[in-house]
Amino acid sequence: MGNKDINPQGWLRQFLLLKLLMVLLLPHGAGIPLLVGCMFSLRALLLLCSPHISTKPSTVFLAQLALSDSLVLLQWALRLGTSLAWWMAEEGCELEMGLRKEGESLWWREAVSVLSEQLLDAHHLASLLLLGLLGLEATLVLRWPQQTLRFRTSHWAQLSCSLVWTLVLTELMLSFHSKILLDSRPQTSTQGSQIFYESLESPLSLPPYFPCLRRTLWLVNLWLHYVAFCNKPQRRKSSYH
């Protein structure tokens, strides 16, 4: 009886509002909001797996938005595992993981720290992109419902999500590679060695527009969801579901 009293669409709408609050207003590295978000994402995934939930594009986007929190869980697992490995190494139970030399241990610790930071950045970027797709879909429903009907399908939604994850993983790989090269560059280097390291960074460096991408997405999300929430139709059913 308790499960029947839960309105899945209303709960998913609350999940969307929570994600908007976290991504647009709160720092993306805050621990407690991320923990709360992961708990809500797990509940959202359970609801989205229900046969009573329609397979609209918004459902696909919400499922991928909930799955994006797996990057946060991966970051926590990575930090926990490496902290445990370092603690065991300090206690004399050194693992055979290439940490035999102090220099290698420091490099590994720096690499893990950089990867953990990049995972949170990737989670933030994925959330911004998926929230943007949700806002765009809701705006199309409100403004041009019939004209865009052929594009508002689950197939196009899944294709859009695939492009989102391709962009997120590409940005993660390029950022991690460039930061590792930057951190491994010697502090006192000659002109020749500096040119050598710059030549290593150039093939896999981030495009110049990437630093502005998140700020642009933040503004676009703010406008799209403002339009969606302030111009909802009079019917009770939401544009998101």
C-alpha atoms as a PDB file:
ATOM      1  CA  MET A   1       0.000   0.000   0.000  1.00  0.00           C
ATOM      2  CA  GLY A   2       2.855   2.383   0.829  1.00  0.00           C
ATOM      3  CA  ASN A   3       4.382   2.129  -2.638  1.00  0.00           C
ATOM      4  CA  LYS A   4       1.040   2.930  -4.275  1.00  0.00           C
ATOM      5  CA  ASP A   5       0.836   6.188  -2.358  1.00  0.00           C
ATOM      6  CA  ILE A   6       4.053   7.384  -4.002  1.00  0.00           C
ATOM      7  CA  ASN A   7       3.519   9.474  -7.118  1.00  0.00           C
ATOM      8  CA  PRO A   8       6.481   8.521  -9.368  1.00  0.00           C
ATOM      9  CA  GLN A   9       6.146  11.571 -11.597  1.00  0.00           C
ATOM     10  CA  GLY A  10       5.960  13.917  -8.630  1.00  0.00           C
ATOM     11  CA  TRP A  11       8.966  12.271  -7.022  1.00  0.00           C
ATOM     12  CA  LEU A  12      10.979  12.481 -10.234  1.00  0.00           C
ATOM     13  CA  ARG A  13      10.046  16.149 -10.485  1.00  0.00           C
ATOM     14  CA  GLN A  14      11.473  16.642  -6.995  1.00  0.00           C
ATOM     15  CA  PHE A  15      14.608  14.775  -8.081  1.00  0.00           C
ATOM     16  CA  LEU A  16      14.974  17.151 -11.029  1.00  0.00           C
ATOM     17  CA  LEU A  17      14.554  20.201  -8.778  1.00  0.00           C
ATOM     18  CA  LEU A  18      17.183  18.830  -6.405  1.00  0.00           C
ATOM     19  CA  LYS A  19      19.617  18.307  -9.274  1.00  0.00           C
ATOM     20  CA  LEU A  20      19.013  21.821 -10.559  1.00  0.00           C
ATOM     21  CA  LEU A  21      19.682  23.234  -7.108  1.00  0.00           C
ATOM     22  CA  MET A  22      22.881  21.190  -6.712  1.00  0.00           C
ATOM     23  CA  VAL A  23      24.326  21.808 -10.169  1.00  0.00           C
ATOM     24  CA  LEU A  24      23.366  25.450 -10.692  1.00  0.00           C
ATOM     25  CA  LEU A  25      23.647  26.886  -7.180  1.00  0.00           C
ATOM     26  CA  LEU A  26      25.905  24.707  -5.020  1.00  0.00           C
ATOM     27  CA  PRO A  27      29.660  24.014  -5.390  1.00  0.00           C
ATOM     28  CA  HIS A  28      30.036  20.829  -7.413  1.00  0.00           C
ATOM     29  CA  GLY A  29      32.598  19.385  -4.990  1.00  0.00           C
ATOM     30  CA  ALA A  30      30.511  19.674  -1.805  1.00  0.00           C
ATOM     31  CA  GLY A  31      30.450  16.286  -0.089  1.00  0.00           C
ATOM     32  CA  ILE A  32      27.079  16.264   1.691  1.00  0.00           C
ATOM     33  CA  PRO A  33      25.041  17.496  -1.328  1.00  0.00           C
ATOM     34  CA  LEU A  34      26.768  14.872  -3.482  1.00  0.00           C
ATOM     35  CA  LEU A  35      25.864  12.160  -0.975  1.00  0.00           C
ATOM     36  CA  VAL A  36      22.235  13.282  -0.900  1.00  0.00           C
ATOM     37  CA  GLY A  37      22.225  13.437  -4.696  1.00  0.00           C
ATOM     38  CA  CYS A  38      23.533   9.878  -4.976  1.00  0.00           C
ATOM     39  CA  MET A  39      20.795   8.615  -2.665  1.00  0.00           C
ATOM     40  CA  PHE A  40      18.118  10.400  -4.701  1.00  0.00           C
ATOM     41  CA  SER A  41      19.664   9.098  -7.933  1.00  0.00           C
ATOM     42  CA  LEU A  42      19.440   5.515  -6.693  1.00  0.00           C
ATOM     43  CA  ARG A  43      15.780   5.998  -5.864  1.00  0.00           C
ATOM     44  CA  ALA A  44      15.176   7.656  -9.236  1.00  0.00           C
ATOM     45  CA  LEU A  45      16.761   4.729 -11.080  1.00  0.00           C
ATOM     46  CA  LEU A  46      14.512   2.302  -9.225  1.00  0.00           C
ATOM     47  CA  LEU A  47      11.448   4.327 -10.206  1.00  0.00           C
ATOM     48  CA  LEU A  48      12.568   4.713 -13.818  1.00  0.00           C
ATOM     49  CA  CYS A  49      12.907   0.929 -14.120  1.00  0.00           C
ATOM     50  CA  SER A  50       9.218   0.581 -13.296  1.00  0.00           C
ATOM     51  CA  PRO A  51       6.959  -0.490 -16.192  1.00  0.00           C
ATOM     52  CA  HIS A  52       4.516   2.255 -15.157  1.00  0.00           C
ATOM     53  CA  ILE A  53       6.966   4.968 -16.255  1.00  0.00           C
ATOM     54  CA  SER A  54       6.685   6.031 -19.889  1.00  0.00           C
ATOM     55  CA  THR A  55       9.653   5.864 -22.247  1.00  0.00           C
ATOM     56  CA  LYS A  56       9.591   9.525 -23.228  1.00  0.00           C
ATOM     57  CA  PRO A  57      12.804  11.453 -23.954  1.00  0.00           C
ATOM     58  CA  SER A  58      12.610  13.074 -20.523  1.00  0.00           C
ATOM     59  CA  THR A  59      12.685   9.614 -18.960  1.00  0.00           C
ATOM     60  CA  VAL A  60      15.857   8.766 -20.880  1.00  0.00           C
ATOM     61  CA  PHE A  61      17.499  12.030 -19.831  1.00  0.00           C
ATOM     62  CA  LEU A  62      16.506  11.564 -16.173  1.00  0.00           C
ATOM     63  CA  ALA A  63      17.910   8.029 -16.151  1.00  0.00           C
ATOM     64  CA  GLN A  64      21.213   9.232 -17.565  1.00  0.00           C
ATOM     65  CA  LEU A  65      21.244  12.129 -15.088  1.00  0.00           C
ATOM     66  CA  ALA A  66      20.887   9.644 -12.252  1.00  0.00           C
ATOM     67  CA  LEU A  67      23.576   7.395 -13.761  1.00  0.00           C
ATOM     68  CA  SER A  68      25.977  10.338 -13.911  1.00  0.00           C
ATOM     69  CA  ASP A  69      26.310  10.082 -10.130  1.00  0.00           C
ATOM     70  CA  SER A  70      28.265   6.875 -10.729  1.00  0.00           C
ATOM     71  CA  LEU A  71      31.221   9.187 -11.455  1.00  0.00           C
ATOM     72  CA  VAL A  72      30.929  10.473  -7.879  1.00  0.00           C
ATOM     73  CA  LEU A  73      30.815   6.935  -6.510  1.00  0.00           C
ATOM     74  CA  LEU A  74      33.844   6.051  -8.624  1.00  0.00           C
ATOM     75  CA  GLN A  75      35.717   9.052  -7.232  1.00  0.00           C
ATOM     76  CA  TRP A  76      34.914   8.033  -3.668  1.00  0.00           C
ATOM     77  CA  ALA A  77      35.929   4.423  -4.319  1.00  0.00           C
ATOM     78  CA  LEU A  78      39.190   5.587  -5.902  1.00  0.00           C
ATOM     79  CA  ARG A  79      40.072   7.770  -2.930  1.00  0.00           C
ATOM     80  CA  LEU A  80      39.134   5.065  -0.443  1.00  0.00           C
ATOM     81  CA  GLY A  81      41.157   2.402  -2.258  1.00  0.00           C
ATOM     82  CA  THR A  82      44.264   4.531  -2.627  1.00  0.00           C
ATOM     83  CA  SER A  83      44.071   5.732   0.981  1.00  0.00           C
ATOM     84  CA  LEU A  84      43.904   2.128   2.119  1.00  0.00           C
ATOM     85  CA  ALA A  85      46.836   1.171  -0.115  1.00  0.00           C
ATOM     86  CA  TRP A  86      48.985   4.022   1.195  1.00  0.00           C
ATOM     87  CA  TRP A  87      48.098   3.169   4.788  1.00  0.00           C
ATOM     88  CA  MET A  88      49.110  -0.454   4.239  1.00  0.00           C
ATOM     89  CA  ALA A  89      52.349   0.674   2.575  1.00  0.00           C
ATOM     90  CA  GLU A  90      53.183   2.903   5.520  1.00  0.00           C
ATOM     91  CA  GLU A  91      52.536   0.020   7.907  1.00  0.00           C
ATOM     92  CA  GLY A  92      55.081  -2.128   6.086  1.00  0.00           C
ATOM     93  CA  CYS A  93      52.649  -4.137   3.965  1.00  0.00           C
ATOM     94  CA  GLU A  94      53.721  -2.529   0.704  1.00  0.00           C
ATOM     95  CA  LEU A  95      51.706  -3.709  -2.240  1.00  0.00           C
ATOM     96  CA  GLU A  96      53.338  -4.798  -5.474  1.00  0.00           C
ATOM     97  CA  MET A  97      51.815  -1.982  -7.490  1.00  0.00           C
ATOM     98  CA  GLY A  98      54.896  -0.166  -8.712  1.00  0.00           C
ATOM     99  CA  LEU A  99      55.293   1.807  -5.478  1.00  0.00           C
ATOM    100  CA  ARG A 100      58.753   0.502  -4.756  1.00  0.00           C
ATOM    101  CA  LYS A 101      60.407   3.852  -5.219  1.00  0.00           C
ATOM    102  CA  GLU A 102      59.473   7.010  -3.411  1.00  0.00           C
ATOM    103  CA  GLY A 103      59.384   9.006  -6.625  1.00  0.00           C
ATOM    104  CA  GLU A 104      56.972   6.579  -8.209  1.00  0.00           C
ATOM    105  CA  SER A 105      54.810   6.685  -5.074  1.00  0.00           C
ATOM    106  CA  LEU A 106      54.615  10.462  -5.210  1.00  0.00           C
ATOM    107  CA  TRP A 107      53.737  10.385  -8.906  1.00  0.00           C
ATOM    108  CA  TRP A 108      51.012   7.806  -8.291  1.00  0.00           C
ATOM    109  CA  ARG A 109      49.560   9.869  -5.455  1.00  0.00           C
ATOM    110  CA  GLU A 110      49.540  12.975  -7.622  1.00  0.00           C
ATOM    111  CA  ALA A 111      47.907  11.077 -10.495  1.00  0.00           C
ATOM    112  CA  VAL A 112      45.146   9.787  -8.223  1.00  0.00           C
ATOM    113  CA  SER A 113      44.538  13.272  -6.857  1.00  0.00           C
ATOM    114  CA  VAL A 114      44.277  14.714 -10.364  1.00  0.00           C
ATOM    115  CA  LEU A 115      41.983  11.908 -11.545  1.00  0.00           C
ATOM    116  CA  SER A 116      39.703  12.377  -8.524  1.00  0.00           C
ATOM    117  CA  GLU A 117      39.381  16.069  -9.290  1.00  0.00           C
ATOM    118  CA  GLN A 118      38.723  15.385 -12.956  1.00  0.00           C
ATOM    119  CA  LEU A 119      36.004  12.848 -12.129  1.00  0.00           C
ATOM    120  CA  LEU A 120      34.109  15.507 -10.190  1.00  0.00           C
ATOM    121  CA  ASP A 121      34.560  17.950 -13.077  1.00  0.00           C
ATOM    122  CA  ALA A 122      33.288  15.298 -15.496  1.00  0.00           C
ATOM    123  CA  HIS A 123      30.267  14.702 -13.255  1.00  0.00           C
ATOM    124  CA  HIS A 124      29.523  18.426 -13.245  1.00  0.00           C
ATOM    125  CA  LEU A 125      29.836  18.666 -17.021  1.00  0.00           C
ATOM    126  CA  ALA A 126      27.606  15.614 -17.578  1.00  0.00           C
ATOM    127  CA  SER A 127      24.991  17.037 -15.210  1.00  0.00           C
ATOM    128  CA  LEU A 128      25.009  20.394 -17.001  1.00  0.00           C
ATOM    129  CA  LEU A 129      24.626  18.764 -20.419  1.00  0.00           C
ATOM    130  CA  LEU A 130      21.852  16.385 -19.357  1.00  0.00           C
ATOM    131  CA  LEU A 131      19.964  19.104 -17.504  1.00  0.00           C
ATOM    132  CA  GLY A 132      20.307  21.218 -20.628  1.00  0.00           C
ATOM    133  CA  LEU A 133      18.736  18.460 -22.712  1.00  0.00           C
ATOM    134  CA  LEU A 134      15.876  18.193 -20.212  1.00  0.00           C
ATOM    135  CA  GLY A 135      15.334  21.938 -20.341  1.00  0.00           C
ATOM    136  CA  LEU A 136      15.488  21.950 -24.142  1.00  0.00           C
ATOM    137  CA  GLU A 137      12.990  19.113 -24.396  1.00  0.00           C
ATOM    138  CA  ALA A 138      10.579  20.862 -22.027  1.00  0.00           C
ATOM    139  CA  THR A 139      10.936  24.135 -23.948  1.00  0.00           C
ATOM    140  CA  LEU A 140      10.212  22.394 -27.249  1.00  0.00           C
ATOM    141  CA  VAL A 141       7.103  20.819 -25.744  1.00  0.00           C
ATOM    142  CA  LEU A 142       5.882  24.227 -24.580  1.00  0.00           C
ATOM    143  CA  ARG A 143       6.741  26.272 -27.662  1.00  0.00           C
ATOM    144  CA  TRP A 144       6.634  23.906 -30.664  1.00  0.00           C
ATOM    145  CA  PRO A 145       4.933  20.661 -29.588  1.00  0.00           C
ATOM    146  CA  GLN A 146       3.738  19.508 -33.017  1.00  0.00           C
ATOM    147  CA  GLN A 147       6.635  20.828 -35.099  1.00  0.00           C
ATOM    148  CA  THR A 148       9.255  19.001 -33.025  1.00  0.00           C
ATOM    149  CA  LEU A 149       7.313  15.800 -32.435  1.00  0.00           C
ATOM    150  CA  ARG A 150       9.407  13.768 -34.878  1.00  0.00           C
ATOM    151  CA  PHE A 151      12.600  14.700 -33.024  1.00  0.00           C
ATOM    152  CA  ARG A 152      11.303  14.175 -29.500  1.00  0.00           C
ATOM    153  CA  THR A 153      11.651  10.407 -29.453  1.00  0.00           C
ATOM    154  CA  SER A 154      13.518   7.942 -27.276  1.00  0.00           C
ATOM    155  CA  HIS A 155      15.848   7.146 -30.172  1.00  0.00           C
ATOM    156  CA  TRP A 156      17.019  10.743 -30.499  1.00  0.00           C
ATOM    157  CA  ALA A 157      17.232  11.038 -26.733  1.00  0.00           C
ATOM    158  CA  GLN A 158      19.519   8.008 -26.497  1.00  0.00           C
ATOM    159  CA  LEU A 159      21.641   9.340 -29.353  1.00  0.00           C
ATOM    160  CA  SER A 160      21.957  12.697 -27.590  1.00  0.00           C
ATOM    161  CA  CYS A 161      23.002  10.965 -24.369  1.00  0.00           C
ATOM    162  CA  SER A 162      25.642   8.998 -26.267  1.00  0.00           C
ATOM    163  CA  LEU A 163      27.055  12.254 -27.623  1.00  0.00           C
ATOM    164  CA  VAL A 164      27.016  13.725 -24.111  1.00  0.00           C
ATOM    165  CA  TRP A 165      29.029  10.854 -22.667  1.00  0.00           C
ATOM    166  CA  THR A 166      31.439  10.967 -25.593  1.00  0.00           C
ATOM    167  CA  LEU A 167      32.085  14.648 -24.919  1.00  0.00           C
ATOM    168  CA  VAL A 168      32.395  14.104 -21.155  1.00  0.00           C
ATOM    169  CA  LEU A 169      34.842  11.203 -21.456  1.00  0.00           C
ATOM    170  CA  THR A 170      36.882  13.046 -24.084  1.00  0.00           C
ATOM    171  CA  GLU A 171      37.141  16.090 -21.835  1.00  0.00           C
ATOM    172  CA  LEU A 172      38.085  13.854 -18.903  1.00  0.00           C
ATOM    173  CA  MET A 173      40.852  12.155 -20.863  1.00  0.00           C
ATOM    174  CA  LEU A 174      42.285  15.389 -22.280  1.00  0.00           C
ATOM    175  CA  SER A 175      42.163  17.215 -18.945  1.00  0.00           C
ATOM    176  CA  PHE A 176      43.802  14.358 -17.089  1.00  0.00           C
ATOM    177  CA  HIS A 177      46.523  13.998 -19.716  1.00  0.00           C
ATOM    178  CA  SER A 178      47.332  17.708 -19.842  1.00  0.00           C
ATOM    179  CA  LYS A 179      47.411  18.114 -16.052  1.00  0.00           C
ATOM    180  CA  ILE A 180      49.609  15.066 -15.556  1.00  0.00           C
ATOM    181  CA  LEU A 181      52.080  16.414 -18.115  1.00  0.00           C
ATOM    182  CA  LEU A 182      51.998  19.827 -16.477  1.00  0.00           C
ATOM    183  CA  ASP A 183      52.629  18.405 -13.004  1.00  0.00           C
ATOM    184  CA  SER A 184      55.408  16.115 -14.232  1.00  0.00           C
ATOM    185  CA  ARG A 185      57.293  18.964 -15.951  1.00  0.00           C
ATOM    186  CA  PRO A 186      60.505  19.777 -14.093  1.00  0.00           C
ATOM    187  CA  GLN A 187      60.403  22.972 -12.042  1.00  0.00           C
ATOM    188  CA  THR A 188      63.838  24.086 -13.294  1.00  0.00           C
ATOM    189  CA  SER A 189      63.949  23.390 -16.974  1.00  0.00           C
ATOM    190  CA  THR A 190      66.029  24.702 -19.793  1.00  0.00           C
ATOM    191  CA  GLN A 191      64.577  26.277 -22.877  1.00  0.00           C
ATOM    192  CA  GLY A 192      65.034  23.077 -24.852  1.00  0.00           C
ATOM    193  CA  SER A 193      63.284  20.898 -22.290  1.00  0.00           C
ATOM    194  CA  GLN A 194      60.433  23.402 -22.032  1.00  0.00           C
ATOM    195  CA  ILE A 195      59.893  23.230 -25.780  1.00  0.00           C
ATOM    196  CA  PHE A 196      59.972  19.425 -25.531  1.00  0.00           C
ATOM    197  CA  TYR A 197      57.214  19.325 -22.893  1.00  0.00           C
ATOM    198  CA  GLU A 198      55.118  21.829 -24.783  1.00  0.00           C
ATOM    199  CA  SER A 199      55.362  19.633 -27.859  1.00  0.00           C
ATOM    200  CA  LEU A 200      54.080  16.714 -25.787  1.00  0.00           C
ATOM    201  CA  GLU A 201      51.088  18.687 -24.544  1.00  0.00           C
ATOM    202  CA  SER A 202      49.992  20.118 -27.872  1.00  0.00           C
ATOM    203  CA  PRO A 203      48.509  16.994 -29.544  1.00  0.00           C
ATOM    204  CA  LEU A 204      46.146  16.241 -26.630  1.00  0.00           C
ATOM    205  CA  SER A 205      45.523  19.713 -25.249  1.00  0.00           C
ATOM    206  CA  LEU A 206      41.992  20.961 -24.592  1.00  0.00           C
ATOM    207  CA  PRO A 207      40.337  23.094 -27.273  1.00  0.00           C
ATOM    208  CA  PRO A 208      40.324  26.823 -26.451  1.00  0.00           C
ATOM    209  CA  TYR A 209      36.524  26.935 -26.005  1.00  0.00           C
ATOM    210  CA  PHE A 210      36.427  24.271 -23.265  1.00  0.00           C
ATOM    211  CA  PRO A 211      37.059  26.649 -20.307  1.00  0.00           C
ATOM    212  CA  CYS A 212      34.000  28.699 -21.313  1.00  0.00           C
ATOM    213  CA  LEU A 213      31.784  25.667 -21.929  1.00  0.00           C
ATOM    214  CA  ARG A 214      30.595  25.215 -18.344  1.00  0.00           C
ATOM    215  CA  ARG A 215      29.745  28.888 -17.872  1.00  0.00           C
ATOM    216  CA  THR A 216      27.802  28.891 -21.125  1.00  0.00           C
ATOM    217  CA  LEU A 217      25.954  25.715 -20.156  1.00  0.00           C
ATOM    218  CA  TRP A 218      25.158  27.205 -16.753  1.00  0.00           C
ATOM    219  CA  LEU A 219      23.538  30.256 -18.352  1.00  0.00           C
ATOM    220  CA  VAL A 220      21.671  28.151 -20.926  1.00  0.00           C
ATOM    221  CA  ASN A 221      20.342  25.836 -18.211  1.00  0.00           C
ATOM    222  CA  LEU A 222      19.222  28.778 -16.112  1.00  0.00           C
ATOM    223  CA  TRP A 223      17.264  30.261 -19.008  1.00  0.00           C
ATOM    224  CA  LEU A 224      15.760  26.984 -20.278  1.00  0.00           C
ATOM    225  CA  HIS A 225      14.516  25.804 -16.905  1.00  0.00           C
ATOM    226  CA  TYR A 226      13.264  29.279 -16.012  1.00  0.00           C
ATOM    227  CA  VAL A 227      11.177  29.256 -19.189  1.00  0.00           C
ATOM    228  CA  ALA A 228      10.001  25.692 -18.522  1.00  0.00           C
ATOM    229  CA  PHE A 229       8.925  26.298 -14.928  1.00  0.00           C
ATOM    230  CA  CYS A 230       7.451  29.763 -15.438  1.00  0.00           C
ATOM    231  CA  ASN A 231       5.464  28.855 -18.561  1.00  0.00           C
ATOM    232  CA  LYS A 232       4.044  25.488 -17.642  1.00  0.00           C
ATOM    233  CA  PRO A 233       0.745  24.625 -19.303  1.00  0.00           C
ATOM    234  CA  GLN A 234      -2.430  24.875 -17.264  1.00  0.00           C
ATOM    235  CA  ARG A 235      -2.926  21.136 -17.238  1.00  0.00           C
ATOM    236  CA  ARG A 236      -1.607  19.345 -14.214  1.00  0.00           C
ATOM    237  CA  LYS A 237       0.693  17.052 -16.139  1.00  0.00           C
ATOM    238  CA  SER A 238       4.273  18.357 -16.221  1.00  0.00           C
ATOM    239  CA  SER A 239       6.235  19.008 -19.391  1.00  0.00           C
ATOM    240  CA  TYR A 240       8.991  16.768 -18.132  1.00  0.00           C
ATOM    241  CA  HIS A 241       6.891  13.609 -17.890  1.00  0.00           C
END
